[in-house]
Amino acid sequence: GREEWDDRFGGLPSAPPVVTSDELTPGGLRDRLERTPGDGLTGEEFRA
């Protein structure tokens, strides 16, 4: 779970981005991935 992960490893500078069990819901996973930085792709870039 997210709380368990953050309690043990959340403060480590080397801790990687993780998706925990709490975020494996349709809304939670979508929100987690949509919070990533970047502007996405144009239609032409996506097709390529």
ModelCIF file with pLDDT and N, C-alpha, C, O atoms, coordinates in Angstrom:
data_MODEL
#
_entry.id   MODEL 
#
_entity.id                         1 
_entity.type                       polymer 
_entity.pdbx_number_of_molecules   1 
#
_entity_poly.entity_id                      1 
_entity_poly.type                           'polypeptide(L)' 
_entity_poly.nstd_linkage                   no 
_entity_poly.nstd_monomer                   no 
_entity_poly.pdbx_seq_one_letter_code       GREEWDDRFGGLPSAPPVVTSDELTPGGLRDRLERTPGDGLTGEEFRA 
_entity_poly.pdbx_seq_one_letter_code_can   GREEWDDRFGGLPSAPPVVTSDELTPGGLRDRLERTPGDGLTGEEFRA 
_entity_poly.pdbx_strand_id                 A 
#
loop_
_entity_poly_seq.entity_id 
_entity_poly_seq.num 
_entity_poly_seq.mon_id 
_entity_poly_seq.hetero 
1 1  GLY n 
1 2  ARG n 
1 3  GLU n 
1 4  GLU n 
1 5  TRP n 
1 6  ASP n 
1 7  ASP n 
1 8  ARG n 
1 9  PHE n 
1 10 GLY n 
1 11 GLY n 
1 12 LEU n 
1 13 PRO n 
1 14 SER n 
1 15 ALA n 
1 16 PRO n 
1 17 PRO n 
1 18 VAL n 
1 19 VAL n 
1 20 THR n 
1 21 SER n 
1 22 ASP n 
1 23 GLU n 
1 24 LEU n 
1 25 THR n 
1 26 PRO n 
1 27 GLY n 
1 28 GLY n 
1 29 LEU n 
1 30 ARG n 
1 31 ASP n 
1 32 ARG n 
1 33 LEU n 
1 34 GLU n 
1 35 ARG n 
1 36 THR n 
1 37 PRO n 
1 38 GLY n 
1 39 ASP n 
1 40 GLY n 
1 41 LEU n 
1 42 THR n 
1 43 GLY n 
1 44 GLU n 
1 45 GLU n 
1 46 PHE n 
1 47 ARG n 
1 48 ALA n 
#
_struct_asym.id          A 
_struct_asym.entity_id   1 
#
loop_
_ma_qa_metric.id 
_ma_qa_metric.mode 
_ma_qa_metric.name 
_ma_qa_metric.software_group_id 
_ma_qa_metric.type 
1 global pLDDT . pLDDT 
2 local  pLDDT . pLDDT 
#
_ma_qa_metric_global.metric_id      1 
_ma_qa_metric_global.metric_value   92.94 
_ma_qa_metric_global.model_id       1 
_ma_qa_metric_global.ordinal_id     1 
#
loop_
_ma_qa_metric_local.label_asym_id 
_ma_qa_metric_local.label_comp_id 
_ma_qa_metric_local.label_seq_id 
_ma_qa_metric_local.metric_id 
_ma_qa_metric_local.metric_value 
_ma_qa_metric_local.model_id 
_ma_qa_metric_local.ordinal_id 
A GLY 1  2 97.00 1 1  
A ARG 2  2 95.00 1 2  
A GLU 3  2 95.00 1 3  
A GLU 4  2 96.00 1 4  
A TRP 5  2 96.00 1 5  
A ASP 6  2 95.00 1 6  
A ASP 7  2 94.00 1 7  
A ARG 8  2 94.00 1 8  
A PHE 9  2 94.00 1 9  
A GLY 10 2 88.00 1 10 
A GLY 11 2 87.00 1 11 
A LEU 12 2 90.00 1 12 
A PRO 13 2 87.00 1 13 
A SER 14 2 83.00 1 14 
A ALA 15 2 87.00 1 15 
A PRO 16 2 92.00 1 16 
A PRO 17 2 95.00 1 17 
A VAL 18 2 96.00 1 18 
A VAL 19 2 97.00 1 19 
A THR 20 2 97.00 1 20 
A SER 21 2 97.00 1 21 
A ASP 22 2 95.00 1 22 
A GLU 23 2 96.00 1 23 
A LEU 24 2 96.00 1 24 
A THR 25 2 95.00 1 25 
A PRO 26 2 92.00 1 26 
A GLY 27 2 94.00 1 27 
A GLY 28 2 95.00 1 28 
A LEU 29 2 96.00 1 29 
A ARG 30 2 95.00 1 30 
A ASP 31 2 95.00 1 31 
A ARG 32 2 94.00 1 32 
A LEU 33 2 95.00 1 33 
A GLU 34 2 93.00 1 34 
A ARG 35 2 92.00 1 35 
A THR 36 2 91.00 1 36 
A PRO 37 2 89.00 1 37 
A GLY 38 2 84.00 1 38 
A ASP 39 2 87.00 1 39 
A GLY 40 2 91.00 1 40 
A LEU 41 2 95.00 1 41 
A THR 42 2 95.00 1 42 
A GLY 43 2 94.00 1 43 
A GLU 44 2 92.00 1 44 
A GLU 45 2 94.00 1 45 
A PHE 46 2 95.00 1 46 
A ARG 47 2 90.00 1 47 
A ALA 48 2 89.00 1 48 
#
loop_
_atom_site.group_PDB 
_atom_site.id 
_atom_site.type_symbol 
_atom_site.label_atom_id 
_atom_site.label_alt_id 
_atom_site.label_comp_id 
_atom_site.label_asym_id 
_atom_site.label_entity_id 
_atom_site.label_seq_id 
_atom_site.pdbx_PDB_ins_code 
_atom_site.Cartn_x 
_atom_site.Cartn_y 
_atom_site.Cartn_z 
_atom_site.occupancy 
_atom_site.B_iso_or_equiv 
_atom_site.pdbx_formal_charge 
_atom_site.auth_seq_id 
_atom_site.auth_comp_id 
_atom_site.auth_asym_id 
_atom_site.auth_atom_id 
_atom_site.pdbx_PDB_model_num 
ATOM 1   N N  . GLY A 1 1  ? 0.815  -1.203 0.000   1.00 97.00 ? 1  GLY A N  1 
ATOM 2   C CA . GLY A 1 1  ? 0.000  0.000  0.000   1.00 97.00 ? 1  GLY A CA 1 
ATOM 3   C C  . GLY A 1 1  ? 0.854  1.261  0.000   1.00 97.00 ? 1  GLY A C  1 
ATOM 4   O O  . GLY A 1 1  ? 2.041  1.219  0.325   1.00 97.00 ? 1  GLY A O  1 
ATOM 5   N N  . ARG A 1 2  ? 0.235  2.393  -0.371  1.00 95.00 ? 2  ARG A N  1 
ATOM 6   C CA . ARG A 1 2  ? 0.962  3.665  -0.435  1.00 95.00 ? 2  ARG A CA 1 
ATOM 7   C C  . ARG A 1 2  ? 1.481  4.086  0.937   1.00 95.00 ? 2  ARG A C  1 
ATOM 8   O O  . ARG A 1 2  ? 2.634  4.500  1.059   1.00 95.00 ? 2  ARG A O  1 
ATOM 9   N N  . GLU A 1 3  ? 0.662  3.989  1.950   1.00 95.00 ? 3  GLU A N  1 
ATOM 10  C CA . GLU A 1 3  ? 1.095  4.423  3.283   1.00 95.00 ? 3  GLU A CA 1 
ATOM 11  C C  . GLU A 1 3  ? 2.268  3.591  3.771   1.00 95.00 ? 3  GLU A C  1 
ATOM 12  O O  . GLU A 1 3  ? 3.233  4.125  4.317   1.00 95.00 ? 3  GLU A O  1 
ATOM 13  N N  . GLU A 1 4  ? 2.182  2.280  3.571   1.00 96.00 ? 4  GLU A N  1 
ATOM 14  C CA . GLU A 1 4  ? 3.262  1.391  3.999   1.00 96.00 ? 4  GLU A CA 1 
ATOM 15  C C  . GLU A 1 4  ? 4.550  1.711  3.243   1.00 96.00 ? 4  GLU A C  1 
ATOM 16  O O  . GLU A 1 4  ? 5.629  1.721  3.835   1.00 96.00 ? 4  GLU A O  1 
ATOM 17  N N  . TRP A 1 5  ? 4.446  1.969  1.961   1.00 96.00 ? 5  TRP A N  1 
ATOM 18  C CA . TRP A 1 5  ? 5.621  2.308  1.165   1.00 96.00 ? 5  TRP A CA 1 
ATOM 19  C C  . TRP A 1 5  ? 6.243  3.629  1.614   1.00 96.00 ? 5  TRP A C  1 
ATOM 20  O O  . TRP A 1 5  ? 7.456  3.717  1.810   1.00 96.00 ? 5  TRP A O  1 
ATOM 21  N N  . ASP A 1 6  ? 5.410  4.649  1.775   1.00 95.00 ? 6  ASP A N  1 
ATOM 22  C CA . ASP A 1 6  ? 5.926  5.962  2.154   1.00 95.00 ? 6  ASP A CA 1 
ATOM 23  C C  . ASP A 1 6  ? 6.563  5.943  3.532   1.00 95.00 ? 6  ASP A C  1 
ATOM 24  O O  . ASP A 1 6  ? 7.561  6.624  3.767   1.00 95.00 ? 6  ASP A O  1 
ATOM 25  N N  . ASP A 1 7  ? 5.984  5.156  4.458   1.00 94.00 ? 7  ASP A N  1 
ATOM 26  C CA . ASP A 1 7  ? 6.556  5.073  5.800   1.00 94.00 ? 7  ASP A CA 1 
ATOM 27  C C  . ASP A 1 7  ? 7.972  4.526  5.768   1.00 94.00 ? 7  ASP A C  1 
ATOM 28  O O  . ASP A 1 7  ? 8.830  4.987  6.521   1.00 94.00 ? 7  ASP A O  1 
ATOM 29  N N  . ARG A 1 8  ? 8.226  3.555  4.912   1.00 94.00 ? 8  ARG A N  1 
ATOM 30  C CA . ARG A 1 8  ? 9.534  2.905  4.906   1.00 94.00 ? 8  ARG A CA 1 
ATOM 31  C C  . ARG A 1 8  ? 10.521 3.554  3.942   1.00 94.00 ? 8  ARG A C  1 
ATOM 32  O O  . ARG A 1 8  ? 11.700 3.704  4.261   1.00 94.00 ? 8  ARG A O  1 
ATOM 33  N N  . PHE A 1 9  ? 10.026 3.947  2.739   1.00 94.00 ? 9  PHE A N  1 
ATOM 34  C CA . PHE A 1 9  ? 10.973 4.367  1.700   1.00 94.00 ? 9  PHE A CA 1 
ATOM 35  C C  . PHE A 1 9  ? 10.679 5.741  1.105   1.00 94.00 ? 9  PHE A C  1 
ATOM 36  O O  . PHE A 1 9  ? 11.448 6.229  0.277   1.00 94.00 ? 9  PHE A O  1 
ATOM 37  N N  . GLY A 1 10 ? 9.597  6.361  1.508   1.00 88.00 ? 10 GLY A N  1 
ATOM 38  C CA . GLY A 1 10 ? 9.196  7.617  0.888   1.00 88.00 ? 10 GLY A CA 1 
ATOM 39  C C  . GLY A 1 10 ? 10.208 8.726  1.043   1.00 88.00 ? 10 GLY A C  1 
ATOM 40  O O  . GLY A 1 10 ? 10.284 9.618  0.198   1.00 88.00 ? 10 GLY A O  1 
ATOM 41  N N  . GLY A 1 11 ? 10.991 8.686  2.111   1.00 87.00 ? 11 GLY A N  1 
ATOM 42  C CA . GLY A 1 11 ? 11.954 9.761  2.338   1.00 87.00 ? 11 GLY A CA 1 
ATOM 43  C C  . GLY A 1 11 ? 13.302 9.544  1.693   1.00 87.00 ? 11 GLY A C  1 
ATOM 44  O O  . GLY A 1 11 ? 14.171 10.412 1.767   1.00 87.00 ? 11 GLY A O  1 
ATOM 45  N N  . LEU A 1 12 ? 13.498 8.363  1.040   1.00 90.00 ? 12 LEU A N  1 
ATOM 46  C CA . LEU A 1 12 ? 14.791 8.087  0.429   1.00 90.00 ? 12 LEU A CA 1 
ATOM 47  C C  . LEU A 1 12 ? 14.947 8.860  -0.879  1.00 90.00 ? 12 LEU A C  1 
ATOM 48  O O  . LEU A 1 12 ? 14.044 8.836  -1.716  1.00 90.00 ? 12 LEU A O  1 
ATOM 49  N N  . PRO A 1 13 ? 16.075 9.544  -1.070  1.00 87.00 ? 13 PRO A N  1 
ATOM 50  C CA . PRO A 1 13 ? 16.274 10.251 -2.343  1.00 87.00 ? 13 PRO A CA 1 
ATOM 51  C C  . PRO A 1 13 ? 16.355 9.295  -3.529  1.00 87.00 ? 13 PRO A C  1 
ATOM 52  O O  . PRO A 1 13 ? 16.101 9.691  -4.666  1.00 87.00 ? 13 PRO A O  1 
ATOM 53  N N  . SER A 1 14 ? 16.712 8.027  -3.263  1.00 83.00 ? 14 SER A N  1 
ATOM 54  C CA . SER A 1 14 ? 16.839 7.053  -4.355  1.00 83.00 ? 14 SER A CA 1 
ATOM 55  C C  . SER A 1 14 ? 15.564 6.263  -4.594  1.00 83.00 ? 14 SER A C  1 
ATOM 56  O O  . SER A 1 14 ? 15.523 5.402  -5.473  1.00 83.00 ? 14 SER A O  1 
ATOM 57  N N  . ALA A 1 15 ? 14.512 6.549  -3.815  1.00 87.00 ? 15 ALA A N  1 
ATOM 58  C CA . ALA A 1 15 ? 13.266 5.800  -3.991  1.00 87.00 ? 15 ALA A CA 1 
ATOM 59  C C  . ALA A 1 15 ? 12.663 6.092  -5.363  1.00 87.00 ? 15 ALA A C  1 
ATOM 60  O O  . ALA A 1 15 ? 12.498 7.260  -5.718  1.00 87.00 ? 15 ALA A O  1 
ATOM 61  N N  . PRO A 1 16 ? 12.332 5.073  -6.137  1.00 92.00 ? 16 PRO A N  1 
ATOM 62  C CA . PRO A 1 16 ? 11.813 5.297  -7.495  1.00 92.00 ? 16 PRO A CA 1 
ATOM 63  C C  . PRO A 1 16 ? 10.321 5.617  -7.474  1.00 92.00 ? 16 PRO A C  1 
ATOM 64  O O  . PRO A 1 16 ? 9.651  5.380  -6.469  1.00 92.00 ? 16 PRO A O  1 
ATOM 65  N N  . PRO A 1 17 ? 9.797  6.152  -8.575  1.00 95.00 ? 17 PRO A N  1 
ATOM 66  C CA . PRO A 1 17 ? 8.344  6.326  -8.686  1.00 95.00 ? 17 PRO A CA 1 
ATOM 67  C C  . PRO A 1 17 ? 7.670  4.958  -8.694  1.00 95.00 ? 17 PRO A C  1 
ATOM 68  O O  . PRO A 1 17 ? 8.049  4.079  -9.469  1.00 95.00 ? 17 PRO A O  1 
ATOM 69  N N  . VAL A 1 18 ? 6.678  4.781  -7.839  1.00 96.00 ? 18 VAL A N  1 
ATOM 70  C CA . VAL A 1 18 ? 5.991  3.505  -7.746  1.00 96.00 ? 18 VAL A CA 1 
ATOM 71  C C  . VAL A 1 18 ? 4.492  3.711  -7.879  1.00 96.00 ? 18 VAL A C  1 
ATOM 72  O O  . VAL A 1 18 ? 3.962  4.790  -7.613  1.00 96.00 ? 18 VAL A O  1 
ATOM 73  N N  . VAL A 1 19 ? 3.822  2.637  -8.301  1.00 97.00 ? 19 VAL A N  1 
ATOM 74  C CA . VAL A 1 19 ? 2.363  2.566  -8.297  1.00 97.00 ? 19 VAL A CA 1 
ATOM 75  C C  . VAL A 1 19 ? 2.001  1.477  -7.297  1.00 97.00 ? 19 VAL A C  1 
ATOM 76  O O  . VAL A 1 19 ? 2.343  0.310  -7.492  1.00 97.00 ? 19 VAL A O  1 
ATOM 77  N N  . THR A 1 20 ? 1.318  1.850  -6.241  1.00 97.00 ? 20 THR A N  1 
ATOM 78  C CA . THR A 1 20 ? 1.010  0.915  -5.166  1.00 97.00 ? 20 THR A CA 1 
ATOM 79  C C  . THR A 1 20 ? -0.397 0.351  -5.332  1.00 97.00 ? 20 THR A C  1 
ATOM 80  O O  . THR A 1 20 ? -1.139 0.739  -6.234  1.00 97.00 ? 20 THR A O  1 
ATOM 81  N N  . SER A 1 21 ? -0.744 -0.572 -4.440  1.00 97.00 ? 21 SER A N  1 
ATOM 82  C CA . SER A 1 21 ? -2.038 -1.244 -4.537  1.00 97.00 ? 21 SER A CA 1 
ATOM 83  C C  . SER A 1 21 ? -3.197 -0.264 -4.453  1.00 97.00 ? 21 SER A C  1 
ATOM 84  O O  . SER A 1 21 ? -4.229 -0.470 -5.092  1.00 97.00 ? 21 SER A O  1 
ATOM 85  N N  . ASP A 1 22 ? -3.037 0.823  -3.656  1.00 95.00 ? 22 ASP A N  1 
ATOM 86  C CA . ASP A 1 22 ? -4.103 1.812  -3.524  1.00 95.00 ? 22 ASP A CA 1 
ATOM 87  C C  . ASP A 1 22 ? -4.417 2.501  -4.852  1.00 95.00 ? 22 ASP A C  1 
ATOM 88  O O  . ASP A 1 22 ? -5.537 2.956  -5.084  1.00 95.00 ? 22 ASP A O  1 
ATOM 89  N N  . GLU A 1 23 ? -3.405 2.567  -5.715  1.00 96.00 ? 23 GLU A N  1 
ATOM 90  C CA . GLU A 1 23 ? -3.553 3.303  -6.969  1.00 96.00 ? 23 GLU A CA 1 
ATOM 91  C C  . GLU A 1 23 ? -3.953 2.410  -8.141  1.00 96.00 ? 23 GLU A C  1 
ATOM 92  O O  . GLU A 1 23 ? -4.063 2.878  -9.274  1.00 96.00 ? 23 GLU A O  1 
ATOM 93  N N  . LEU A 1 24 ? -4.171 1.120  -7.864  1.00 96.00 ? 24 LEU A N  1 
ATOM 94  C CA . LEU A 1 24 ? -4.560 0.202  -8.923  1.00 96.00 ? 24 LEU A CA 1 
ATOM 95  C C  . LEU A 1 24 ? -6.086 0.106  -9.034  1.00 96.00 ? 24 LEU A C  1 
ATOM 96  O O  . LEU A 1 24 ? -6.652 -0.975 -9.194  1.00 96.00 ? 24 LEU A O  1 
ATOM 97  N N  . THR A 1 25 ? -6.717 1.257  -8.946  1.00 95.00 ? 25 THR A N  1 
ATOM 98  C CA . THR A 1 25 ? -8.129 1.402  -9.260  1.00 95.00 ? 25 THR A CA 1 
ATOM 99  C C  . THR A 1 25 ? -8.202 2.197  -10.554 1.00 95.00 ? 25 THR A C  1 
ATOM 100 O O  . THR A 1 25 ? -7.244 2.893  -10.891 1.00 95.00 ? 25 THR A O  1 
ATOM 101 N N  . PRO A 1 26 ? -9.309 2.117  -11.294 1.00 92.00 ? 26 PRO A N  1 
ATOM 102 C CA . PRO A 1 26 ? -9.373 2.867  -12.558 1.00 92.00 ? 26 PRO A CA 1 
ATOM 103 C C  . PRO A 1 26 ? -9.049 4.344  -12.392 1.00 92.00 ? 26 PRO A C  1 
ATOM 104 O O  . PRO A 1 26 ? -8.251 4.893  -13.151 1.00 92.00 ? 26 PRO A O  1 
ATOM 105 N N  . GLY A 1 27 ? -9.653 4.980  -11.421 1.00 94.00 ? 27 GLY A N  1 
ATOM 106 C CA . GLY A 1 27 ? -9.385 6.398  -11.219 1.00 94.00 ? 27 GLY A CA 1 
ATOM 107 C C  . GLY A 1 27 ? -8.001 6.656  -10.661 1.00 94.00 ? 27 GLY A C  1 
ATOM 108 O O  . GLY A 1 27 ? -7.332 7.608  -11.061 1.00 94.00 ? 27 GLY A O  1 
ATOM 109 N N  . GLY A 1 28 ? -7.564 5.800  -9.725  1.00 95.00 ? 28 GLY A N  1 
ATOM 110 C CA . GLY A 1 28 ? -6.271 6.006  -9.099  1.00 95.00 ? 28 GLY A CA 1 
ATOM 111 C C  . GLY A 1 28 ? -5.120 5.841  -10.073 1.00 95.00 ? 28 GLY A C  1 
ATOM 112 O O  . GLY A 1 28 ? -4.193 6.650  -10.069 1.00 95.00 ? 28 GLY A O  1 
ATOM 113 N N  . LEU A 1 29 ? -5.156 4.816  -10.904 1.00 96.00 ? 29 LEU A N  1 
ATOM 114 C CA . LEU A 1 29 ? -4.071 4.587  -11.856 1.00 96.00 ? 29 LEU A CA 1 
ATOM 115 C C  . LEU A 1 29 ? -4.038 5.685  -12.907 1.00 96.00 ? 29 LEU A C  1 
ATOM 116 O O  . LEU A 1 29 ? -2.970 6.178  -13.272 1.00 96.00 ? 29 LEU A O  1 
ATOM 117 N N  . ARG A 1 30 ? -5.207 6.060  -13.387 1.00 95.00 ? 30 ARG A N  1 
ATOM 118 C CA . ARG A 1 30 ? -5.256 7.112  -14.403 1.00 95.00 ? 30 ARG A CA 1 
ATOM 119 C C  . ARG A 1 30 ? -4.689 8.420  -13.847 1.00 95.00 ? 30 ARG A C  1 
ATOM 120 O O  . ARG A 1 30 ? -3.913 9.107  -14.511 1.00 95.00 ? 30 ARG A O  1 
ATOM 121 N N  . ASP A 1 31 ? -5.088 8.747  -12.626 1.00 95.00 ? 31 ASP A N  1 
ATOM 122 C CA . ASP A 1 31 ? -4.588 9.978  -12.010 1.00 95.00 ? 31 ASP A CA 1 
ATOM 123 C C  . ASP A 1 31 ? -3.083 9.912  -11.811 1.00 95.00 ? 31 ASP A C  1 
ATOM 124 O O  . ASP A 1 31 ? -2.382 10.900 -12.027 1.00 95.00 ? 31 ASP A O  1 
ATOM 125 N N  . ARG A 1 32 ? -2.581 8.745  -11.398 1.00 94.00 ? 32 ARG A N  1 
ATOM 126 C CA . ARG A 1 32 ? -1.136 8.597  -11.151 1.00 94.00 ? 32 ARG A CA 1 
ATOM 127 C C  . ARG A 1 32 ? -0.344 8.828  -12.428 1.00 94.00 ? 32 ARG A C  1 
ATOM 128 O O  . ARG A 1 32 ? 0.687  9.501  -12.405 1.00 94.00 ? 32 ARG A O  1 
ATOM 129 N N  . LEU A 1 33 ? -0.815 8.275  -13.545 1.00 95.00 ? 33 LEU A N  1 
ATOM 130 C CA . LEU A 1 33 ? -0.079 8.410  -14.797 1.00 95.00 ? 33 LEU A CA 1 
ATOM 131 C C  . LEU A 1 33 ? -0.264 9.791  -15.419 1.00 95.00 ? 33 LEU A C  1 
ATOM 132 O O  . LEU A 1 33 ? 0.653  10.316 -16.051 1.00 95.00 ? 33 LEU A O  1 
ATOM 133 N N  . GLU A 1 34 ? -1.439 10.376 -15.245 1.00 93.00 ? 34 GLU A N  1 
ATOM 134 C CA . GLU A 1 34 ? -1.671 11.693 -15.844 1.00 93.00 ? 34 GLU A CA 1 
ATOM 135 C C  . GLU A 1 34 ? -0.926 12.803 -15.123 1.00 93.00 ? 34 GLU A C  1 
ATOM 136 O O  . GLU A 1 34 ? -0.801 13.908 -15.651 1.00 93.00 ? 34 GLU A O  1 
ATOM 137 N N  . ARG A 1 35 ? -0.425 12.522 -13.909 1.00 92.00 ? 35 ARG A N  1 
ATOM 138 C CA . ARG A 1 35 ? 0.352  13.532 -13.182 1.00 92.00 ? 35 ARG A CA 1 
ATOM 139 C C  . ARG A 1 35 ? 1.818  13.566 -13.611 1.00 92.00 ? 35 ARG A C  1 
ATOM 140 O O  . ARG A 1 35 ? 2.616  14.313 -13.044 1.00 92.00 ? 35 ARG A O  1 
ATOM 141 N N  . THR A 1 36 ? 2.170  12.758 -14.611 1.00 91.00 ? 36 THR A N  1 
ATOM 142 C CA . THR A 1 36 ? 3.542  12.781 -15.099 1.00 91.00 ? 36 THR A CA 1 
ATOM 143 C C  . THR A 1 36 ? 3.781  14.064 -15.900 1.00 91.00 ? 36 THR A C  1 
ATOM 144 O O  . THR A 1 36 ? 2.854  14.582 -16.522 1.00 91.00 ? 36 THR A O  1 
ATOM 145 N N  . PRO A 1 37 ? 4.996  14.573 -15.892 1.00 89.00 ? 37 PRO A N  1 
ATOM 146 C CA . PRO A 1 37 ? 5.276  15.812 -16.635 1.00 89.00 ? 37 PRO A CA 1 
ATOM 147 C C  . PRO A 1 37 ? 5.311  15.572 -18.138 1.00 89.00 ? 37 PRO A C  1 
ATOM 148 O O  . PRO A 1 37 ? 5.509  14.443 -18.588 1.00 89.00 ? 37 PRO A O  1 
ATOM 149 N N  . GLY A 1 38 ? 5.120  16.626 -18.905 1.00 84.00 ? 38 GLY A N  1 
ATOM 150 C CA . GLY A 1 38 ? 5.180  16.515 -20.365 1.00 84.00 ? 38 GLY A CA 1 
ATOM 151 C C  . GLY A 1 38 ? 3.886  16.964 -21.011 1.00 84.00 ? 38 GLY A C  1 
ATOM 152 O O  . GLY A 1 38 ? 2.836  16.997 -20.370 1.00 84.00 ? 38 GLY A O  1 
ATOM 153 N N  . ASP A 1 39 ? 3.969  17.309 -22.285 1.00 87.00 ? 39 ASP A N  1 
ATOM 154 C CA . ASP A 1 39 ? 2.828  17.852 -23.017 1.00 87.00 ? 39 ASP A CA 1 
ATOM 155 C C  . ASP A 1 39 ? 2.123  16.832 -23.895 1.00 87.00 ? 39 ASP A C  1 
ATOM 156 O O  . ASP A 1 39 ? 1.231  17.198 -24.660 1.00 87.00 ? 39 ASP A O  1 
ATOM 157 N N  . GLY A 1 40 ? 2.493  15.584 -23.807 1.00 91.00 ? 40 GLY A N  1 
ATOM 158 C CA . GLY A 1 40 ? 1.862  14.599 -24.661 1.00 91.00 ? 40 GLY A CA 1 
ATOM 159 C C  . GLY A 1 40 ? 2.384  14.684 -26.087 1.00 91.00 ? 40 GLY A C  1 
ATOM 160 O O  . GLY A 1 40 ? 3.446  15.257 -26.332 1.00 91.00 ? 40 GLY A O  1 
ATOM 161 N N  . LEU A 1 41 ? 1.630  14.110 -27.034 1.00 95.00 ? 41 LEU A N  1 
ATOM 162 C CA . LEU A 1 41 ? 2.071  13.993 -28.417 1.00 95.00 ? 41 LEU A CA 1 
ATOM 163 C C  . LEU A 1 41 ? 1.056  14.626 -29.360 1.00 95.00 ? 41 LEU A C  1 
ATOM 164 O O  . LEU A 1 41 ? -0.145 14.637 -29.089 1.00 95.00 ? 41 LEU A O  1 
ATOM 165 N N  . THR A 1 42 ? 1.557  15.148 -30.461 1.00 95.00 ? 42 THR A N  1 
ATOM 166 C CA . THR A 1 42 ? 0.658  15.558 -31.534 1.00 95.00 ? 42 THR A CA 1 
ATOM 167 C C  . THR A 1 42 ? 0.115  14.307 -32.212 1.00 95.00 ? 42 THR A C  1 
ATOM 168 O O  . THR A 1 42 ? 0.616  13.205 -31.986 1.00 95.00 ? 42 THR A O  1 
ATOM 169 N N  . GLY A 1 43 ? -0.905 14.478 -33.040 1.00 94.00 ? 43 GLY A N  1 
ATOM 170 C CA . GLY A 1 43 ? -1.462 13.336 -33.752 1.00 94.00 ? 43 GLY A CA 1 
ATOM 171 C C  . GLY A 1 43 ? -0.434 12.667 -34.634 1.00 94.00 ? 43 GLY A C  1 
ATOM 172 O O  . GLY A 1 43 ? -0.369 11.439 -34.691 1.00 94.00 ? 43 GLY A O  1 
ATOM 173 N N  . GLU A 1 44 ? 0.372  13.460 -35.326 1.00 92.00 ? 44 GLU A N  1 
ATOM 174 C CA . GLU A 1 44 ? 1.396  12.900 -36.209 1.00 92.00 ? 44 GLU A CA 1 
ATOM 175 C C  . GLU A 1 44 ? 2.465  12.166 -35.414 1.00 92.00 ? 44 GLU A C  1 
ATOM 176 O O  . GLU A 1 44 ? 2.927  11.102 -35.826 1.00 92.00 ? 44 GLU A O  1 
ATOM 177 N N  . GLU A 1 45 ? 2.865  12.734 -34.267 1.00 94.00 ? 45 GLU A N  1 
ATOM 178 C CA . GLU A 1 45 ? 3.868  12.075 -33.428 1.00 94.00 ? 45 GLU A CA 1 
ATOM 179 C C  . GLU A 1 45 ? 3.331  10.761 -32.881 1.00 94.00 ? 45 GLU A C  1 
ATOM 180 O O  . GLU A 1 45 ? 4.043  9.757  -32.843 1.00 94.00 ? 45 GLU A O  1 
ATOM 181 N N  . PHE A 1 46 ? 2.073  10.774 -32.460 1.00 95.00 ? 46 PHE A N  1 
ATOM 182 C CA . PHE A 1 46 ? 1.500  9.538  -31.924 1.00 95.00 ? 46 PHE A CA 1 
ATOM 183 C C  . PHE A 1 46 ? 1.470  8.445  -32.981 1.00 95.00 ? 46 PHE A C  1 
ATOM 184 O O  . PHE A 1 46 ? 1.830  7.301  -32.704 1.00 95.00 ? 46 PHE A O  1 
ATOM 185 N N  . ARG A 1 47 ? 1.041  8.792  -34.196 1.00 90.00 ? 47 ARG A N  1 
ATOM 186 C CA . ARG A 1 47 ? 0.970  7.781  -35.256 1.00 90.00 ? 47 ARG A CA 1 
ATOM 187 C C  . ARG A 1 47 ? 2.350  7.232  -35.586 1.00 90.00 ? 47 ARG A C  1 
ATOM 188 O O  . ARG A 1 47 ? 2.498  6.038  -35.845 1.00 90.00 ? 47 ARG A O  1 
ATOM 189 N N  . ALA A 1 48 ? 3.368  8.100  -35.578 1.00 89.00 ? 48 ALA A N  1 
ATOM 190 C CA . ALA A 1 48 ? 4.724  7.634  -35.870 1.00 89.00 ? 48 ALA A CA 1 
ATOM 191 C C  . ALA A 1 48 ? 5.234  6.706  -34.770 1.00 89.00 ? 48 ALA A C  1 
ATOM 192 O O  . ALA A 1 48 ? 6.361  6.217  -34.848 1.00 89.00 ? 48 ALA A O  1 
#
